[in-house]
Amino acid sequence: PTEPRTPTVAFTLRGRTSEDVARALAGRAVFVSNGDFYATTVVRRLGHAEDGIVRAGCACYTTAAEVDRLVEGVVELGRR
């Protein structure tokens, strides 16, 4: 509780399910979670009840190279 928290981001990619995104990123050794994370009301109100969202987070041991791999993977998937 006395340490700064690490960031978490939730996102979707148009035309792809959250499961497709998670599997594609796993192929790049980027491991994210997907689904509704028990936040069904929020996910539904955001319009993603059917496919869910992707969640990526950092921890104290996450390297800059891993963050770069995540960003590059998402950018590449967004182009397809």
C-alpha atoms as a PDB file:
ATOM      1  CA  PRO A   1       0.000   0.000   0.000  1.00  0.00           C
ATOM      2  CA  THR A   2       2.894   2.425   0.467  1.00  0.00           C
ATOM      3  CA  GLU A   3       4.368   1.738  -2.972  1.00  0.00           C
ATOM      4  CA  PRO A   4       3.195   3.361  -6.227  1.00  0.00           C
ATOM      5  CA  ARG A   5       0.745   1.225  -8.158  1.00  0.00           C
ATOM      6  CA  THR A   6       1.554  -0.168 -11.559  1.00  0.00           C
ATOM      7  CA  PRO A   7      -0.547   0.797 -14.574  1.00  0.00           C
ATOM      8  CA  THR A   8      -3.207  -1.387 -16.153  1.00  0.00           C
ATOM      9  CA  VAL A   9      -4.912  -0.616 -19.436  1.00  0.00           C
ATOM     10  CA  ALA A  10      -8.034  -2.134 -20.982  1.00  0.00           C
ATOM     11  CA  PHE A  11      -8.635  -1.931 -24.718  1.00  0.00           C
ATOM     12  CA  THR A  12     -10.284  -3.457 -27.761  1.00  0.00           C
ATOM     13  CA  LEU A  13      -9.350  -3.606 -31.423  1.00  0.00           C
ATOM     14  CA  ARG A  14     -12.105  -2.991 -33.947  1.00  0.00           C
ATOM     15  CA  GLY A  15     -13.008  -6.131 -35.861  1.00  0.00           C
ATOM     16  CA  ARG A  16     -11.283  -8.519 -33.431  1.00  0.00           C
ATOM     17  CA  THR A  17     -12.519 -10.346 -30.378  1.00  0.00           C
ATOM     18  CA  SER A  18     -10.621  -9.925 -27.156  1.00  0.00           C
ATOM     19  CA  GLU A  19      -9.719 -13.619 -27.311  1.00  0.00           C
ATOM     20  CA  ASP A  20      -8.240 -13.210 -30.817  1.00  0.00           C
ATOM     21  CA  VAL A  21      -6.147 -10.266 -29.620  1.00  0.00           C
ATOM     22  CA  ALA A  22      -4.939 -12.123 -26.525  1.00  0.00           C
ATOM     23  CA  ARG A  23      -3.950 -15.190 -28.570  1.00  0.00           C
ATOM     24  CA  ALA A  24      -2.167 -13.124 -31.216  1.00  0.00           C
ATOM     25  CA  LEU A  25      -0.202 -11.225 -28.570  1.00  0.00           C
ATOM     26  CA  ALA A  26       0.683 -14.484 -26.818  1.00  0.00           C
ATOM     27  CA  GLY A  27       2.294 -15.543 -30.095  1.00  0.00           C
ATOM     28  CA  ARG A  28       4.623 -12.573 -29.595  1.00  0.00           C
ATOM     29  CA  ALA A  29       5.326 -13.584 -25.971  1.00  0.00           C
ATOM     30  CA  VAL A  30       3.054 -10.819 -24.687  1.00  0.00           C
ATOM     31  CA  PHE A  31       0.654 -12.226 -22.139  1.00  0.00           C
ATOM     32  CA  VAL A  32      -2.555 -10.307 -21.483  1.00  0.00           C
ATOM     33  CA  SER A  33      -5.964 -11.257 -20.120  1.00  0.00           C
ATOM     34  CA  ASN A  34      -9.310 -11.017 -21.840  1.00  0.00           C
ATOM     35  CA  GLY A  35     -12.957 -11.124 -20.859  1.00  0.00           C
ATOM     36  CA  ASP A  36     -15.145  -8.957 -18.649  1.00  0.00           C
ATOM     37  CA  PHE A  37     -13.180  -9.312 -15.390  1.00  0.00           C
ATOM     38  CA  TYR A  38     -16.427  -9.444 -13.397  1.00  0.00           C
ATOM     39  CA  ALA A  39     -17.136  -5.864 -14.512  1.00  0.00           C
ATOM     40  CA  THR A  40     -20.041  -6.984 -16.648  1.00  0.00           C
ATOM     41  CA  THR A  41     -22.076  -3.807 -16.242  1.00  0.00           C
ATOM     42  CA  VAL A  42     -19.224  -1.528 -17.290  1.00  0.00           C
ATOM     43  CA  VAL A  43     -18.170  -3.765 -20.162  1.00  0.00           C
ATOM     44  CA  ARG A  44     -21.779  -3.983 -21.361  1.00  0.00           C
ATOM     45  CA  ARG A  45     -22.265  -0.211 -21.158  1.00  0.00           C
ATOM     46  CA  LEU A  46     -19.084   0.274 -23.181  1.00  0.00           C
ATOM     47  CA  GLY A  47     -20.595  -1.980 -25.846  1.00  0.00           C
ATOM     48  CA  HIS A  48     -18.257  -4.946 -25.437  1.00  0.00           C
ATOM     49  CA  ALA A  49     -20.439  -7.504 -23.665  1.00  0.00           C
ATOM     50  CA  GLU A  50     -20.210 -10.021 -26.503  1.00  0.00           C
ATOM     51  CA  ASP A  51     -16.439 -10.018 -27.094  1.00  0.00           C
ATOM     52  CA  GLY A  52     -15.021  -8.593 -23.858  1.00  0.00           C
ATOM     53  CA  ILE A  53     -11.949  -6.434 -23.471  1.00  0.00           C
ATOM     54  CA  VAL A  54      -8.209  -7.008 -23.330  1.00  0.00           C
ATOM     55  CA  ARG A  55      -6.349  -6.077 -20.163  1.00  0.00           C
ATOM     56  CA  ALA A  56      -2.609  -5.495 -19.981  1.00  0.00           C
ATOM     57  CA  GLY A  57      -0.732  -4.538 -16.868  1.00  0.00           C
ATOM     58  CA  CYS A  58       2.780  -3.842 -15.756  1.00  0.00           C
ATOM     59  CA  ALA A  59       4.525  -4.931 -12.580  1.00  0.00           C
ATOM     60  CA  CYS A  60       7.748  -3.890 -10.923  1.00  0.00           C
ATOM     61  CA  TYR A  61       9.628  -6.496 -12.970  1.00  0.00           C
ATOM     62  CA  THR A  62       8.152  -5.549 -16.383  1.00  0.00           C
ATOM     63  CA  THR A  63      10.888  -4.361 -18.710  1.00  0.00           C
ATOM     64  CA  ALA A  64      10.773  -1.547 -21.247  1.00  0.00           C
ATOM     65  CA  ALA A  65      11.339  -4.176 -23.964  1.00  0.00           C
ATOM     66  CA  GLU A  66       8.184  -6.011 -22.864  1.00  0.00           C
ATOM     67  CA  VAL A  67       6.143  -2.817 -23.010  1.00  0.00           C
ATOM     68  CA  ASP A  68       7.569  -2.113 -26.465  1.00  0.00           C
ATOM     69  CA  ARG A  69       6.569  -5.635 -27.576  1.00  0.00           C
ATOM     70  CA  LEU A  70       3.020  -5.012 -26.344  1.00  0.00           C
ATOM     71  CA  VAL A  71       2.719  -1.686 -28.144  1.00  0.00           C
ATOM     72  CA  GLU A  72       4.267  -3.028 -31.359  1.00  0.00           C
ATOM     73  CA  GLY A  73       1.971  -6.057 -31.267  1.00  0.00           C
ATOM     74  CA  VAL A  74      -1.146  -3.957 -30.784  1.00  0.00           C
ATOM     75  CA  VAL A  75      -0.121  -1.563 -33.555  1.00  0.00           C
ATOM     76  CA  GLU A  76       0.526  -4.476 -35.917  1.00  0.00           C
ATOM     77  CA  LEU A  77      -2.800  -6.148 -35.093  1.00  0.00           C
ATOM     78  CA  GLY A  78      -4.590  -2.841 -35.598  1.00  0.00           C
ATOM     79  CA  ARG A  79      -3.212  -2.607 -39.133  1.00  0.00           C
ATOM     80  CA  ARG A  80      -4.574  -6.001 -40.188  1.00  0.00           C
END
